[in-house]
Every structure is written in structure tokens, then in C-alpha cells.
Amino acid sequence: MRADDIPRPLLDSATFFICGRRRFVTGWREQLKDVGVESGRIRSEVFEWP
């Protein structure tokens, strides 16, 4: 799945929560911004483990 697979009405109104490893979170954050989601509607938490 990619951010451009998300229906436009959700991209225009939803708040997105992303959790996972730093690369995963960073990649999704960039994708969401690229399709027009404002930074204030993107929440994230990075989980790191050995």
C-alpha cells in the first residue's frame, strides 16, 4: 500500500497515526506529505529494537 492508494476524502480530512521503525515512519510521513496531507495531521511514534 502507498499513500496515493488512500481515497482522497480521507487524505483531505483524516489524522494519520504511524508507528514502527524509523525508516517506515519516515517513508510514510514523506508519502503523506507528497499527496498533500498537512504535517499537523500526521502523528508518529518510532519503535526501535535490537
C-alpha atoms as a PDB file:
ATOM      1  CA  MET A   1       0.000   0.000   0.000  1.00  0.00           C
ATOM      2  CA  ARG A   2       1.079   3.519  -0.730  1.00  0.00           C
ATOM      3  CA  ALA A   3      -0.322   6.876   0.360  1.00  0.00           C
ATOM      4  CA  ASP A   4      -1.731   7.507  -3.112  1.00  0.00           C
ATOM      5  CA  ASP A   5      -3.906   4.373  -2.646  1.00  0.00           C
ATOM      6  CA  ILE A   6      -5.799   6.122   0.166  1.00  0.00           C
ATOM      7  CA  PRO A   7      -9.097   7.662  -1.019  1.00  0.00           C
ATOM      8  CA  ARG A   8      -8.931  11.438  -1.483  1.00  0.00           C
ATOM      9  CA  PRO A   9     -11.692  12.203   1.082  1.00  0.00           C
ATOM     10  CA  LEU A  10      -9.587  10.534   3.781  1.00  0.00           C
ATOM     11  CA  LEU A  11      -6.405  12.280   2.666  1.00  0.00           C
ATOM     12  CA  ASP A  12      -8.252  15.583   2.908  1.00  0.00           C
ATOM     13  CA  SER A  13      -9.661  15.073   6.407  1.00  0.00           C
ATOM     14  CA  ALA A  14      -8.117  12.225   8.428  1.00  0.00           C
ATOM     15  CA  THR A  15      -5.385  12.366  11.037  1.00  0.00           C
ATOM     16  CA  PHE A  16      -2.805   9.667  10.371  1.00  0.00           C
ATOM     17  CA  PHE A  17      -1.021   7.672  13.062  1.00  0.00           C
ATOM     18  CA  ILE A  18       2.196   5.910  12.031  1.00  0.00           C
ATOM     19  CA  CYS A  19       4.116   3.571  14.352  1.00  0.00           C
ATOM     20  CA  GLY A  20       7.166   1.460  13.610  1.00  0.00           C
ATOM     21  CA  ARG A  21      10.843   1.601  12.820  1.00  0.00           C
ATOM     22  CA  ARG A  22      12.286   4.984  11.875  1.00  0.00           C
ATOM     23  CA  ARG A  23      12.622   4.151   8.158  1.00  0.00           C
ATOM     24  CA  PHE A  24       8.995   3.008   7.970  1.00  0.00           C
ATOM     25  CA  VAL A  25       7.705   6.091   9.797  1.00  0.00           C
ATOM     26  CA  THR A  26       9.864   8.466   7.746  1.00  0.00           C
ATOM     27  CA  GLY A  27       8.802   6.857   4.471  1.00  0.00           C
ATOM     28  CA  TRP A  28       5.100   7.069   5.260  1.00  0.00           C
ATOM     29  CA  ARG A  29       5.400  10.646   6.542  1.00  0.00           C
ATOM     30  CA  GLU A  30       7.056  11.679   3.262  1.00  0.00           C
ATOM     31  CA  GLN A  31       4.438   9.877   1.179  1.00  0.00           C
ATOM     32  CA  LEU A  32       1.576  11.523   3.060  1.00  0.00           C
ATOM     33  CA  LYS A  33       3.142  14.964   2.660  1.00  0.00           C
ATOM     34  CA  ASP A  34       3.671  14.289  -1.064  1.00  0.00           C
ATOM     35  CA  VAL A  35      -0.071  13.672  -1.530  1.00  0.00           C
ATOM     36  CA  GLY A  36      -0.983  16.867   0.350  1.00  0.00           C
ATOM     37  CA  VAL A  37      -1.528  15.844   3.977  1.00  0.00           C
ATOM     38  CA  GLU A  38      -0.550  18.689   6.321  1.00  0.00           C
ATOM     39  CA  SER A  39       2.151  17.908   8.892  1.00  0.00           C
ATOM     40  CA  GLY A  40      -0.251  18.684  11.747  1.00  0.00           C
ATOM     41  CA  ARG A  41      -2.432  15.735  10.749  1.00  0.00           C
ATOM     42  CA  ILE A  42       0.417  13.221  10.857  1.00  0.00           C
ATOM     43  CA  ARG A  43       1.262  11.701  14.241  1.00  0.00           C
ATOM     44  CA  SER A  44       4.011   9.163  14.709  1.00  0.00           C
ATOM     45  CA  GLU A  45       5.882   7.036  17.183  1.00  0.00           C
ATOM     46  CA  VAL A  46       9.175   5.351  16.418  1.00  0.00           C
ATOM     47  CA  PHE A  47       9.833   1.912  17.892  1.00  0.00           C
ATOM     48  CA  GLU A  48      13.451   0.788  17.922  1.00  0.00           C
ATOM     49  CA  TRP A  49      14.656  -2.631  18.997  1.00  0.00           C
ATOM     50  CA  PRO A  50      17.861  -4.560  18.536  1.00  0.00           C
END
